[in-house]
Amino acid sequence: MVAPMLTSKNTGVILVLLFVVAGALRDVFFGEVFQRHRFFDVVFVSFALATIIFTIVVAVRMPAQFAVLARNWRTALIANLGTACA
């Protein structure tokens, strides 16, 4: 039996409320972070953490992808340079 709060009529409202609350928490958190630290420091730490975390995920779940990257390193380099220039 499905709990009454998870019916299709209420699911949309609950998800919208969760989205709004999550957005408010994000804005308050990052507002404080950007007031306390320099912008590029926050960006550097964010991208470094994302790179480390997703490298570990790929290494654990799909290690063969590193061989694909090694074979296509020029394409990856050009894509990264294009992104950095944008």
N, C-alpha and C. Protein backbone atom coordinates (compact mmCIF):
# COMPACT_ATOMS: atom_id res chain seq x y z
N MET A 1 0.83 -1.18 0.00
CA MET A 1 0.00 0.00 0.00
C MET A 1 0.88 1.26 0.00
N VAL A 2 0.56 2.21 -0.84
CA VAL A 2 1.32 3.45 -0.97
C VAL A 2 0.88 4.42 0.11
N ALA A 3 1.84 5.08 0.72
CA ALA A 3 1.52 6.09 1.73
C ALA A 3 0.70 7.20 1.09
N PRO A 4 -0.28 7.76 1.80
CA PRO A 4 -1.15 8.78 1.20
C PRO A 4 -0.40 10.01 0.71
N MET A 5 0.74 10.33 1.30
CA MET A 5 1.46 11.52 0.90
C MET A 5 2.18 11.35 -0.43
N LEU A 6 2.36 10.12 -0.88
CA LEU A 6 3.10 9.87 -2.11
C LEU A 6 2.19 9.59 -3.29
N THR A 7 0.95 10.02 -3.23
CA THR A 7 0.05 9.82 -4.35
C THR A 7 0.44 10.75 -5.49
N SER A 8 -0.04 10.44 -6.67
CA SER A 8 0.32 11.24 -7.84
C SER A 8 -0.16 12.68 -7.73
N LYS A 9 -1.22 12.92 -6.98
CA LYS A 9 -1.72 14.29 -6.82
C LYS A 9 -0.76 15.13 -5.99
N ASN A 10 -0.14 14.55 -5.00
CA ASN A 10 0.73 15.30 -4.10
C ASN A 10 2.20 15.27 -4.50
N THR A 11 2.59 14.35 -5.33
CA THR A 11 4.00 14.20 -5.67
C THR A 11 4.57 15.45 -6.31
N GLY A 12 3.86 16.03 -7.24
CA GLY A 12 4.34 17.24 -7.91
C GLY A 12 4.53 18.39 -6.95
N VAL A 13 3.58 18.58 -6.06
CA VAL A 13 3.67 19.67 -5.09
C VAL A 13 4.85 19.44 -4.15
N ILE A 14 5.02 18.21 -3.68
CA ILE A 14 6.12 17.89 -2.78
C ILE A 14 7.46 18.12 -3.47
N LEU A 15 7.58 17.68 -4.73
CA LEU A 15 8.83 17.85 -5.46
C LEU A 15 9.13 19.33 -5.71
N VAL A 16 8.12 20.12 -6.01
CA VAL A 16 8.34 21.56 -6.21
C VAL A 16 8.79 22.21 -4.90
N LEU A 17 8.16 21.84 -3.79
CA LEU A 17 8.58 22.39 -2.50
C LEU A 17 10.01 22.00 -2.16
N LEU A 18 10.38 20.75 -2.42
CA LEU A 18 11.76 20.31 -2.18
C LEU A 18 12.74 21.08 -3.06
N PHE A 19 12.36 21.32 -4.30
CA PHE A 19 13.21 22.08 -5.22
C PHE A 19 13.42 23.50 -4.72
N VAL A 20 12.36 24.14 -4.27
CA VAL A 20 12.45 25.52 -3.77
C VAL A 20 13.30 25.57 -2.50
N VAL A 21 13.09 24.64 -1.59
CA VAL A 21 13.87 24.62 -0.35
C VAL A 21 15.34 24.35 -0.66
N ALA A 22 15.62 23.41 -1.56
CA ALA A 22 17.01 23.11 -1.92
C ALA A 22 17.66 24.33 -2.58
N GLY A 23 16.93 25.04 -3.42
CA GLY A 23 17.47 26.24 -4.05
C GLY A 23 17.77 27.33 -3.03
N ALA A 24 16.88 27.49 -2.06
CA ALA A 24 17.10 28.50 -1.02
C ALA A 24 18.32 28.15 -0.18
N LEU A 25 18.45 26.87 0.19
CA LEU A 25 19.62 26.45 0.97
C LEU A 25 20.91 26.65 0.18
N ARG A 26 20.87 26.32 -1.10
CA ARG A 26 22.04 26.52 -1.96
C ARG A 26 22.42 27.99 -2.03
N ASP A 27 21.44 28.87 -2.22
CA ASP A 27 21.72 30.29 -2.34
C ASP A 27 22.29 30.86 -1.05
N VAL A 28 21.74 30.44 0.07
CA VAL A 28 22.25 30.93 1.35
C VAL A 28 23.67 30.42 1.59
N PHE A 29 23.89 29.13 1.31
CA PHE A 29 25.22 28.55 1.51
C PHE A 29 26.26 29.24 0.64
N PHE A 30 25.98 29.33 -0.67
CA PHE A 30 26.97 29.91 -1.56
C PHE A 30 27.10 31.42 -1.37
N GLY A 31 26.03 32.09 -0.93
CA GLY A 31 26.14 33.50 -0.61
C GLY A 31 27.16 33.73 0.48
N GLU A 32 27.12 32.88 1.50
CA GLU A 32 28.08 32.98 2.61
C GLU A 32 29.48 32.59 2.14
N VAL A 33 29.58 31.55 1.34
CA VAL A 33 30.89 31.09 0.85
C VAL A 33 31.55 32.17 -0.01
N PHE A 34 30.79 32.79 -0.92
CA PHE A 34 31.38 33.78 -1.80
C PHE A 34 31.70 35.09 -1.07
N GLN A 35 31.06 35.35 0.04
CA GLN A 35 31.42 36.53 0.82
C GLN A 35 32.69 36.29 1.63
N ARG A 36 32.91 35.05 2.01
CA ARG A 36 34.05 34.73 2.86
C ARG A 36 35.32 34.44 2.05
N HIS A 37 35.18 33.88 0.85
CA HIS A 37 36.34 33.46 0.06
C HIS A 37 36.32 34.12 -1.32
N ARG A 38 37.48 34.14 -1.97
CA ARG A 38 37.56 34.68 -3.31
C ARG A 38 36.88 33.73 -4.30
N PHE A 39 36.29 34.32 -5.35
CA PHE A 39 35.52 33.57 -6.33
C PHE A 39 36.34 32.44 -6.97
N PHE A 40 37.53 32.75 -7.43
CA PHE A 40 38.33 31.75 -8.14
C PHE A 40 38.84 30.64 -7.21
N ASP A 41 38.98 30.95 -5.93
CA ASP A 41 39.33 29.89 -4.98
C ASP A 41 38.19 28.88 -4.86
N VAL A 42 36.96 29.38 -4.79
CA VAL A 42 35.79 28.50 -4.71
C VAL A 42 35.66 27.67 -5.98
N VAL A 43 35.84 28.32 -7.13
CA VAL A 43 35.75 27.61 -8.41
C VAL A 43 36.83 26.54 -8.50
N PHE A 44 38.05 26.87 -8.12
CA PHE A 44 39.15 25.90 -8.17
C PHE A 44 38.86 24.68 -7.30
N VAL A 45 38.44 24.91 -6.07
CA VAL A 45 38.15 23.80 -5.15
C VAL A 45 36.99 22.96 -5.68
N SER A 46 35.96 23.61 -6.21
CA SER A 46 34.80 22.88 -6.74
C SER A 46 35.19 21.97 -7.90
N PHE A 47 35.93 22.52 -8.85
CA PHE A 47 36.33 21.71 -10.01
C PHE A 47 37.34 20.63 -9.62
N ALA A 48 38.22 20.94 -8.69
CA ALA A 48 39.18 19.92 -8.25
C ALA A 48 38.47 18.76 -7.58
N LEU A 49 37.52 19.07 -6.70
CA LEU A 49 36.76 17.99 -6.04
C LEU A 49 35.96 17.17 -7.05
N ALA A 50 35.31 17.85 -7.99
CA ALA A 50 34.54 17.12 -9.00
C ALA A 50 35.44 16.22 -9.83
N THR A 51 36.62 16.72 -10.21
CA THR A 51 37.55 15.92 -10.99
C THR A 51 38.02 14.70 -10.21
N ILE A 52 38.37 14.89 -8.96
CA ILE A 52 38.83 13.76 -8.13
C ILE A 52 37.73 12.74 -7.93
N ILE A 53 36.54 13.20 -7.58
CA ILE A 53 35.42 12.28 -7.31
C ILE A 53 35.06 11.49 -8.56
N PHE A 54 34.91 12.17 -9.70
CA PHE A 54 34.50 11.45 -10.90
C PHE A 54 35.61 10.59 -11.48
N THR A 55 36.86 10.94 -11.25
CA THR A 55 37.96 10.05 -11.65
C THR A 55 37.91 8.76 -10.86
N ILE A 56 37.63 8.87 -9.57
CA ILE A 56 37.50 7.66 -8.74
C ILE A 56 36.31 6.82 -9.18
N VAL A 57 35.18 7.48 -9.48
CA VAL A 57 33.99 6.74 -9.93
C VAL A 57 34.28 5.98 -11.22
N VAL A 58 34.93 6.66 -12.17
CA VAL A 58 35.24 5.99 -13.44
C VAL A 58 36.26 4.88 -13.22
N ALA A 59 37.24 5.10 -12.36
CA ALA A 59 38.25 4.07 -12.11
C ALA A 59 37.63 2.83 -11.50
N VAL A 60 36.62 3.01 -10.67
CA VAL A 60 35.97 1.86 -10.03
C VAL A 60 34.97 1.19 -10.95
N ARG A 61 34.14 1.98 -11.62
CA ARG A 61 33.04 1.40 -12.39
C ARG A 61 33.39 1.07 -13.84
N MET A 62 34.26 1.86 -14.48
CA MET A 62 34.56 1.68 -15.90
C MET A 62 36.03 1.93 -16.19
N PRO A 63 36.94 1.12 -15.66
CA PRO A 63 38.37 1.39 -15.84
C PRO A 63 38.82 1.36 -17.30
N ALA A 64 38.10 0.70 -18.17
CA ALA A 64 38.47 0.65 -19.59
C ALA A 64 38.35 2.02 -20.25
N GLN A 65 37.62 2.94 -19.64
CA GLN A 65 37.47 4.27 -20.22
C GLN A 65 38.79 5.05 -20.24
N PHE A 66 39.69 4.70 -19.33
CA PHE A 66 41.00 5.37 -19.34
C PHE A 66 41.80 4.97 -20.58
N ALA A 67 41.64 3.73 -21.04
CA ALA A 67 42.30 3.31 -22.28
C ALA A 67 41.72 4.06 -23.48
N VAL A 68 40.41 4.26 -23.48
CA VAL A 68 39.77 5.03 -24.55
C VAL A 68 40.28 6.46 -24.54
N LEU A 69 40.40 7.05 -23.37
CA LEU A 69 40.93 8.41 -23.26
C LEU A 69 42.37 8.49 -23.74
N ALA A 70 43.17 7.49 -23.39
CA ALA A 70 44.57 7.47 -23.83
C ALA A 70 44.68 7.39 -25.35
N ARG A 71 43.79 6.63 -25.98
CA ARG A 71 43.80 6.53 -27.44
C ARG A 71 43.33 7.81 -28.11
N ASN A 72 42.46 8.56 -27.47
CA ASN A 72 41.87 9.76 -28.06
C ASN A 72 42.28 11.02 -27.30
N TRP A 73 43.51 11.09 -26.87
CA TRP A 73 43.94 12.20 -26.03
C TRP A 73 43.91 13.53 -26.76
N ARG A 74 44.16 13.51 -28.07
CA ARG A 74 44.15 14.76 -28.82
C ARG A 74 42.75 15.38 -28.84
N THR A 75 41.75 14.54 -29.07
CA THR A 75 40.37 15.02 -29.08
C THR A 75 39.98 15.57 -27.72
N ALA A 76 40.36 14.87 -26.65
CA ALA A 76 40.05 15.34 -25.30
C ALA A 76 40.75 16.66 -25.01
N LEU A 77 42.00 16.79 -25.45
CA LEU A 77 42.75 18.02 -25.24
C LEU A 77 42.10 19.19 -25.97
N ILE A 78 41.74 18.99 -27.22
CA ILE A 78 41.09 20.05 -28.00
C ILE A 78 39.76 20.44 -27.38
N ALA A 79 38.98 19.46 -26.92
CA ALA A 79 37.70 19.76 -26.28
C ALA A 79 37.91 20.57 -25.00
N ASN A 80 38.90 20.20 -24.22
CA ASN A 80 39.17 20.95 -22.98
C ASN A 80 39.69 22.35 -23.27
N LEU A 81 40.55 22.49 -24.26
CA LEU A 81 41.04 23.82 -24.62
C LEU A 81 39.90 24.71 -25.13
N GLY A 82 39.02 24.13 -25.94
CA GLY A 82 37.87 24.90 -26.41
C GLY A 82 36.96 25.33 -25.28
N THR A 83 36.76 24.46 -24.33
CA THR A 83 35.93 24.80 -23.16
C THR A 83 36.60 25.88 -22.32
N ALA A 84 37.92 25.77 -22.14
CA ALA A 84 38.64 26.77 -21.34
C ALA A 84 38.62 28.14 -22.03
N CYS A 85 38.66 28.17 -23.34
CA CYS A 85 38.63 29.44 -24.06
C CYS A 85 37.25 30.08 -24.07
N ALA A 86 36.23 29.26 -23.92
CA ALA A 86 34.85 29.80 -23.94
C ALA A 86 34.59 30.51 -22.67
